[in-house]
Amino acid sequence: MNVEVIRHGVDFSGADSGGSAKIVIATLRPGEPATIRRRVDRIGLRRAILDSAESTDRHVWRLDAPFSLPSIVLERHGIEHEWHALARWMEGFDSARSWRRALRAVSRKEPRRTCDWAARAPMSPMNLRVFKQTWTMISEILLPLADAGVHIAPVHVTDSPAIVSEACPASVLAFRGLPVRGYKGASEANAERRGDLCRLLVEWGVPVTRRDEEAAIRDIEGDIVDALLLLAEPTSHVPPAEAGVEAWIW
């Protein structure tokens, strides 16, 4: 039986209102153009990943949000040096804000993980602009998926056909020597940049329909482009040992 590898790129939202149905999922099946699913909420994302875990094909999910924290943060808070212990600790807070208050009560420093430096990620998982995504991703997406047996690379390894990994659109561009800014915004130059990236994706083996290209160009927040960028072939890396706790960006 032939097994297809189906790639999914997810532009994630950690907004307070259930994700605000703002998540974008881009999907690429072999021999077909990419498809876009917009206005997905967190429940819908979890359901889509769990459904793919029942497939006879292999599904690789690349999600744009931090999967873990730096090891030094676990040490500061007396957490066992193990991803599941960290995830359970984070799940114990009633909101992202209460979790961040607990972090800042111990230290206001925002260190980065080994993978953040390696992938040239723009900021720490605890940064003011990212902390909601970090807490929500780990507590509401990854932990339930891990409990259901989904493979979360490289912190929770199983034989599931659904493999979930961390990714970053800025890293995709940086690894290819391209500017990481300039495509988000309402200016004509921003729109042109979004169009350029859609056309560049075709060269990377990610064909985009004219309709989706036009939608991406109109999307001033760049969410569609971000999801599409995560369909590009991941840059090959061999994660170091600390990635088993801190996660890794592909």
Protein backbone atom coordinates (compact mmCIF):
# COMPACT_ATOMS: atom_id res chain seq x y z
CA MET A 1 0.00 0.00 0.00
CA ASN A 2 1.35 3.41 -0.99
CA VAL A 3 1.47 5.86 1.88
CA GLU A 4 1.30 9.54 1.02
CA VAL A 5 2.97 12.23 3.09
CA ILE A 6 0.54 15.12 3.52
CA ARG A 7 1.94 18.37 4.88
CA HIS A 8 0.02 20.93 6.91
CA GLY A 9 1.18 24.43 7.85
CA VAL A 10 -0.68 26.15 10.68
CA ASP A 11 -0.69 29.85 11.47
CA PHE A 12 -1.73 29.67 15.11
CA SER A 13 -3.66 32.11 17.29
CA GLY A 14 -3.48 32.19 21.07
CA ALA A 15 -6.14 34.88 21.44
CA ASP A 16 -8.25 34.80 24.60
CA SER A 17 -11.58 34.16 22.88
CA GLY A 18 -11.10 30.52 21.97
CA GLY A 19 -8.60 31.33 19.27
CA SER A 20 -11.09 33.78 17.74
CA ALA A 21 -11.50 31.26 14.93
CA LYS A 22 -8.44 32.96 13.46
CA ILE A 23 -6.26 29.91 12.86
CA VAL A 24 -5.28 29.21 9.23
CA ILE A 25 -4.47 25.69 8.04
CA ALA A 26 -2.68 25.19 4.71
CA THR A 27 -2.52 21.64 3.35
CA LEU A 28 -0.39 20.14 0.59
CA ARG A 29 -1.12 16.73 -0.89
CA PRO A 30 1.28 15.18 -3.40
CA GLY A 31 0.56 16.29 -6.96
CA GLU A 32 -2.04 18.87 -5.96
CA PRO A 33 -2.02 22.61 -5.27
CA ALA A 34 -2.11 23.78 -1.69
CA THR A 35 -5.50 24.28 -0.06
CA ILE A 36 -6.39 26.85 2.59
CA ARG A 37 -8.80 26.52 5.48
CA ARG A 38 -9.45 29.79 7.33
CA ARG A 39 -11.26 30.82 10.51
CA VAL A 40 -10.47 27.62 12.39
CA ASP A 41 -10.65 27.65 16.18
CA ARG A 42 -8.52 25.63 18.59
CA ILE A 43 -11.10 22.88 18.94
CA GLY A 44 -11.21 22.58 15.16
CA LEU A 45 -7.42 22.38 14.96
CA ARG A 46 -7.24 19.63 17.57
CA ARG A 47 -9.99 17.73 15.81
CA ALA A 48 -8.23 17.99 12.45
CA ILE A 49 -4.98 16.64 13.89
CA LEU A 50 -6.75 13.83 15.74
CA ASP A 51 -8.65 12.89 12.57
CA SER A 52 -5.35 12.72 10.66
CA ALA A 53 -4.03 10.34 13.32
CA GLU A 54 -6.64 7.84 12.14
CA SER A 55 -5.45 8.08 8.52
CA THR A 56 -3.60 5.44 6.54
CA ASP A 57 -1.39 8.24 5.21
CA ARG A 58 1.30 10.15 7.07
CA HIS A 59 0.43 13.69 8.13
CA VAL A 60 3.15 16.16 9.07
CA TRP A 61 1.84 19.20 10.93
CA ARG A 62 4.04 22.29 11.36
CA LEU A 63 2.60 24.71 13.91
CA ASP A 64 3.69 28.31 14.34
CA ALA A 65 3.94 28.61 18.14
CA PRO A 66 6.47 27.59 20.81
CA PHE A 67 6.24 24.00 22.02
CA SER A 68 8.29 24.43 25.20
CA LEU A 69 10.42 26.70 27.38
CA PRO A 70 14.16 27.05 28.06
CA SER A 71 15.55 24.49 30.49
CA ILE A 72 16.60 27.25 32.88
CA VAL A 73 12.94 28.13 33.43
CA LEU A 74 12.20 24.59 34.59
CA GLU A 75 15.12 24.85 37.01
CA ARG A 76 13.89 28.19 38.37
CA HIS A 77 10.47 26.74 39.14
CA GLY A 78 11.58 23.36 40.45
CA ILE A 79 9.99 21.45 37.56
CA GLU A 80 11.29 18.01 36.64
CA HIS A 81 13.49 18.24 33.54
CA GLU A 82 10.94 16.56 31.31
CA TRP A 83 8.48 18.00 28.77
CA HIS A 84 5.35 16.35 30.17
CA ALA A 85 6.11 17.73 33.64
CA LEU A 86 6.44 21.20 32.15
CA ALA A 87 3.19 20.84 30.19
CA ARG A 88 1.27 19.64 33.26
CA TRP A 89 2.64 22.57 35.28
CA MET A 90 1.51 25.07 32.65
CA GLU A 91 -1.90 23.41 32.36
CA GLY A 92 -2.39 24.07 36.07
CA PHE A 93 -2.77 27.83 35.52
CA ASP A 94 -6.21 29.18 34.67
CA SER A 95 -4.95 31.57 31.98
CA ALA A 96 -1.91 32.64 30.03
CA ARG A 97 -1.74 35.84 32.08
CA SER A 98 -1.69 34.06 35.43
CA TRP A 99 1.06 31.80 34.12
CA ARG A 100 3.12 34.80 32.98
CA ARG A 101 2.64 36.50 36.36
CA ALA A 102 4.06 33.38 38.03
CA LEU A 103 7.06 33.46 35.68
CA ARG A 104 7.77 37.13 36.32
CA ALA A 105 7.41 36.71 40.09
CA VAL A 106 10.53 34.53 39.92
CA SER A 107 12.44 36.30 37.15
CA ARG A 108 11.70 38.99 34.58
CA LYS A 109 14.38 37.69 32.24
CA GLU A 110 13.19 36.07 29.02
CA PRO A 111 15.83 33.57 27.92
CA ARG A 112 15.62 31.74 24.63
CA ARG A 113 15.86 28.04 23.92
CA THR A 114 18.65 26.40 21.97
CA CYS A 115 16.25 25.98 19.05
CA ASP A 116 15.32 29.69 19.10
CA TRP A 117 18.94 30.60 18.50
CA ALA A 118 19.46 27.84 15.94
CA ALA A 119 16.34 28.74 13.93
CA ARG A 120 16.82 32.50 14.33
CA ALA A 121 13.39 32.79 15.93
CA PRO A 122 12.60 36.46 16.58
CA MET A 123 11.82 36.27 20.31
CA SER A 124 11.60 34.22 23.50
CA PRO A 125 8.55 31.97 24.09
CA MET A 126 7.78 34.14 27.14
CA ASN A 127 7.92 37.47 25.32
CA LEU A 128 4.92 39.78 25.74
CA ARG A 129 3.97 39.25 22.09
CA VAL A 130 4.21 35.45 22.25
CA PHE A 131 3.33 34.20 25.75
CA LYS A 132 -0.38 33.63 25.02
CA GLN A 133 0.49 31.46 22.04
CA THR A 134 3.03 29.52 24.09
CA TRP A 135 0.68 28.78 26.99
CA THR A 136 -2.29 27.99 24.76
CA MET A 137 -0.29 25.79 22.39
CA ILE A 138 1.16 23.67 25.17
CA SER A 139 -1.87 23.54 27.48
CA GLU A 140 -4.76 23.35 25.03
CA ILE A 141 -3.27 21.76 21.91
CA LEU A 142 -0.14 19.71 22.59
CA LEU A 143 -0.98 18.16 25.95
CA PRO A 144 -4.37 16.76 24.80
CA LEU A 145 -2.72 15.49 21.61
CA ALA A 146 0.04 13.81 23.58
CA ASP A 147 -2.56 12.18 25.83
CA ALA A 148 -4.25 10.88 22.66
CA GLY A 149 -1.00 9.32 21.42
CA VAL A 150 -0.10 11.81 18.69
CA HIS A 151 3.62 12.12 17.91
CA ILE A 152 4.93 15.53 19.02
CA ALA A 153 8.46 15.89 17.74
CA PRO A 154 10.81 15.53 19.53
CA VAL A 155 9.26 15.73 23.01
CA HIS A 156 6.66 12.95 22.77
CA VAL A 157 7.61 10.20 20.32
CA THR A 158 4.97 7.66 19.25
CA ASP A 159 4.17 5.58 16.17
CA SER A 160 1.19 7.78 15.26
CA PRO A 161 0.79 8.65 11.54
CA ALA A 162 0.21 12.25 12.68
CA ILE A 163 3.46 14.05 13.50
CA VAL A 164 3.26 17.53 15.00
CA SER A 165 6.31 19.77 14.99
CA GLU A 166 7.14 23.38 15.80
CA ALA A 167 7.89 25.75 12.95
CA CYS A 168 8.39 29.46 12.34
CA PRO A 169 7.69 31.35 9.08
CA ALA A 170 10.44 33.84 9.85
CA SER A 171 12.89 30.96 10.18
CA VAL A 172 11.75 29.50 6.83
CA LEU A 173 12.64 32.82 5.19
CA ALA A 174 15.85 33.38 7.15
CA PHE A 175 17.22 29.93 6.30
CA ARG A 176 16.72 30.73 2.64
CA GLY A 177 18.48 34.08 2.92
CA LEU A 178 15.31 36.14 2.47
CA PRO A 179 14.05 39.16 4.44
CA VAL A 180 11.76 38.10 7.28
CA ARG A 181 9.76 41.32 7.27
CA GLY A 182 7.91 43.41 4.74
CA TYR A 183 4.95 41.21 3.84
CA LYS A 184 2.63 42.14 6.74
CA GLY A 185 0.76 45.41 6.44
CA ALA A 186 -1.69 47.36 4.32
CA SER A 187 0.73 49.15 2.00
CA GLU A 188 1.08 48.40 -1.69
CA ALA A 189 4.66 47.30 -1.07
CA ASN A 190 3.46 44.81 1.57
CA ALA A 191 0.90 43.38 -0.85
CA GLU A 192 3.52 43.05 -3.58
CA ARG A 193 5.78 41.20 -1.17
CA ARG A 194 3.00 38.75 -0.31
CA GLY A 195 2.47 38.11 -4.01
CA ASP A 196 6.20 37.59 -4.53
CA LEU A 197 6.28 35.02 -1.72
CA CYS A 198 3.32 33.11 -3.17
CA ARG A 199 5.10 32.88 -6.50
CA LEU A 200 8.34 31.89 -4.79
CA LEU A 201 6.54 29.07 -3.01
CA VAL A 202 5.83 27.49 -6.40
CA GLU A 203 9.59 27.24 -6.95
CA TRP A 204 9.84 25.51 -3.57
CA GLY A 205 7.35 22.84 -4.61
CA VAL A 206 4.28 24.47 -3.04
CA PRO A 207 1.87 25.33 -5.88
CA VAL A 208 -0.74 27.92 -4.95
CA THR A 209 -3.99 28.45 -6.85
CA ARG A 210 -4.71 31.88 -8.26
CA ARG A 211 -7.68 32.24 -5.92
CA ASP A 212 -5.58 31.50 -2.83
CA GLU A 213 -2.79 33.76 -4.05
CA GLU A 214 -5.27 36.61 -4.36
CA ALA A 215 -6.63 35.86 -0.89
CA ALA A 216 -3.09 35.85 0.51
CA ILE A 217 -2.34 39.20 -1.12
CA ARG A 218 -5.52 40.70 0.39
CA ASP A 219 -4.67 39.32 3.86
CA ILE A 220 -2.87 42.31 5.39
CA GLU A 221 -1.94 40.36 8.54
CA GLY A 222 -0.04 37.81 6.48
CA ASP A 223 -1.68 34.80 8.15
CA ILE A 224 -2.26 32.94 4.88
CA VAL A 225 1.30 33.52 3.72
CA ASP A 226 2.59 32.32 7.10
CA ALA A 227 0.61 29.07 6.83
CA LEU A 228 1.77 28.53 3.24
CA LEU A 229 5.42 29.11 4.16
CA LEU A 230 5.18 26.21 6.60
CA LEU A 231 4.40 23.88 3.70
CA ALA A 232 7.93 24.37 2.34
CA GLU A 233 10.27 21.42 2.80
CA PRO A 234 11.77 21.70 6.30
CA THR A 235 15.46 22.46 6.59
CA SER A 236 17.25 19.33 7.76
CA HIS A 237 18.48 19.43 11.34
CA VAL A 238 19.59 16.88 13.90
CA PRO A 239 18.18 18.12 17.22
CA PRO A 240 20.57 18.19 20.17
CA ALA A 241 19.80 16.33 23.40
CA GLU A 242 18.13 19.33 25.07
CA ALA A 243 15.47 19.35 22.34
CA GLY A 244 13.81 16.43 24.13
CA VAL A 245 12.67 18.99 26.72
CA GLU A 246 12.98 22.37 24.98
CA ALA A 247 11.52 21.15 21.64
CA TRP A 248 12.94 22.01 18.23
CA ILE A 249 12.01 24.27 15.30
CA TRP A 250 11.92 22.69 11.83
